[in-house]
Amino acid sequence: QVQLVESGGGLVQPGGSLRLSCAASGTSVSIIPAYWYRQAPGKEREWVASSTNPGVVSYADSVKGRFTISRDNAKNIVYLRMNNLKPEDTAVYYCSVVRAGVQTWGQGTQVTVSS
């Protein structure tokens, strides 16, 4: 059974940085697609970043150039490094992986960008 646990969220001022972690168990993140999504209050969940193969990453236009998705295969963790954060980045952030056609979600971690 695949399980994902996110951490690293918190309160940060505009222009600040955070690194979110997504620790996986029950599968190896080195061989499966991994994603980050976010959901702001009153809005639908939206895709943020993908790492679909080693070295193949993509980003939503709203975060391109500021966010970086990466993996630590030895620790079995997927990261989302977020720089130059803006108030509109405030949301609950979720990681997700797909294995054998089944998508699994973590419980989410809150990111609040405010002065």
Protein backbone atom coordinates (compact mmCIF):
# COMPACT_ATOMS: atom_id res chain seq x y z
CA GLN A 1 0.00 0.00 0.00
CA VAL A 2 1.41 3.35 -1.05
CA GLN A 3 1.42 6.09 1.58
CA LEU A 4 2.59 9.69 1.29
CA VAL A 5 3.31 12.13 4.11
CA GLU A 6 3.93 15.81 3.36
CA SER A 7 5.78 18.20 5.64
CA GLY A 8 7.55 21.55 5.54
CA GLY A 9 4.62 23.92 5.25
CA GLY A 10 4.19 27.00 7.40
CA LEU A 11 3.84 30.75 7.52
CA VAL A 12 6.31 32.76 5.44
CA GLN A 13 6.56 36.39 4.38
CA PRO A 14 6.23 37.41 0.73
CA GLY A 15 9.53 36.84 -1.03
CA GLY A 16 10.48 34.03 1.33
CA SER A 17 11.21 30.38 0.66
CA LEU A 18 10.04 26.98 1.84
CA ARG A 19 10.91 23.40 0.96
CA LEU A 20 8.10 20.88 1.10
CA SER A 21 8.87 17.18 1.53
CA CYS A 22 6.80 14.18 0.54
CA ALA A 23 7.99 10.96 2.15
CA ALA A 24 6.78 7.83 0.39
CA SER A 25 6.35 4.27 1.63
CA GLY A 26 5.13 1.19 -0.17
CA THR A 27 6.78 2.21 -3.43
CA SER A 28 9.99 3.67 -4.77
CA VAL A 29 9.68 7.27 -5.98
CA SER A 30 12.61 6.72 -8.33
CA ILE A 31 10.52 4.79 -10.86
CA ILE A 32 7.08 6.40 -10.84
CA PRO A 33 5.60 9.78 -11.78
CA ALA A 34 5.30 12.26 -8.93
CA TYR A 35 3.27 15.45 -8.74
CA TRP A 36 2.57 18.43 -6.53
CA TYR A 37 -0.86 20.06 -6.45
CA ARG A 38 -2.35 22.84 -4.33
CA GLN A 39 -5.79 23.96 -3.26
CA ALA A 40 -6.53 27.48 -2.09
CA PRO A 41 -9.64 28.29 -0.01
CA GLY A 42 -12.74 28.33 -2.19
CA LYS A 43 -10.86 27.10 -5.26
CA GLU A 44 -10.39 23.80 -7.03
CA ARG A 45 -7.24 21.77 -6.61
CA GLU A 46 -4.69 22.73 -9.27
CA TRP A 47 -1.58 21.08 -10.63
CA VAL A 48 1.71 22.75 -9.68
CA ALA A 49 4.60 20.55 -10.83
CA SER A 50 5.42 17.13 -12.23
CA SER A 51 8.41 14.82 -12.33
CA THR A 52 7.34 12.11 -14.72
CA ASN A 53 10.73 10.58 -15.47
CA PRO A 54 14.21 11.22 -14.14
CA GLY A 55 15.20 14.61 -15.48
CA VAL A 56 11.80 15.35 -17.02
CA VAL A 57 9.96 18.04 -15.05
CA SER A 58 7.22 20.53 -15.82
CA TYR A 59 5.56 23.42 -14.00
CA ALA A 60 2.41 25.48 -14.03
CA ASP A 61 3.00 28.90 -15.54
CA SER A 62 2.16 30.56 -12.22
CA VAL A 63 5.16 28.94 -10.48
CA LYS A 64 7.64 28.51 -13.33
CA GLY A 65 11.03 29.94 -12.42
CA ARG A 66 10.19 30.02 -8.70
CA PHE A 67 9.41 26.39 -7.78
CA THR A 68 11.57 23.30 -8.28
CA ILE A 69 10.48 19.67 -7.99
CA SER A 70 13.14 17.10 -7.20
CA ARG A 71 13.62 13.62 -5.77
CA ASP A 72 15.99 12.01 -3.30
CA ASN A 73 15.81 8.39 -4.34
CA ALA A 74 17.94 7.17 -1.44
CA LYS A 75 15.55 8.73 1.09
CA ASN A 76 12.46 8.02 -1.04
CA ILE A 77 11.34 11.65 -0.82
CA VAL A 78 9.95 14.07 -3.38
CA TYR A 79 10.63 17.76 -2.70
CA LEU A 80 9.10 21.03 -3.81
CA ARG A 81 11.43 23.98 -3.34
CA MET A 82 9.47 27.24 -3.41
CA ASN A 83 11.27 30.57 -3.77
CA ASN A 84 10.02 34.16 -4.04
CA LEU A 85 6.69 33.16 -2.52
CA LYS A 86 3.66 35.35 -3.13
CA PRO A 87 0.39 35.71 -1.20
CA GLU A 88 -1.38 33.95 -4.07
CA ASP A 89 0.72 30.85 -3.35
CA THR A 90 -1.22 30.38 -0.11
CA ALA A 91 -2.85 26.95 -0.24
CA VAL A 92 -2.77 23.42 1.05
CA TYR A 93 -0.11 21.58 -0.94
CA TYR A 94 -0.52 17.91 -1.79
CA CYS A 95 1.90 15.43 -3.30
CA SER A 96 0.71 12.57 -5.44
CA VAL A 97 2.21 9.55 -7.17
CA VAL A 98 0.85 7.15 -9.74
CA ARG A 99 1.70 3.48 -9.62
CA ALA A 100 0.07 0.85 -11.83
CA GLY A 101 -2.58 3.36 -12.85
CA VAL A 102 -3.57 4.16 -9.28
CA GLN A 103 -3.10 7.71 -8.01
CA THR A 104 -2.31 8.16 -4.32
CA TRP A 105 -2.47 11.45 -2.39
CA GLY A 106 -0.89 12.68 0.79
CA GLN A 107 -2.81 14.48 3.51
CA GLY A 108 -1.51 17.92 2.53
CA THR A 109 0.55 20.63 4.20
CA GLN A 110 -0.56 24.23 4.67
CA VAL A 111 1.49 27.05 3.16
CA THR A 112 0.54 30.60 4.12
CA VAL A 113 2.29 33.59 2.56
CA SER A 114 1.54 36.76 4.47
CA SER A 115 3.24 39.75 5.99
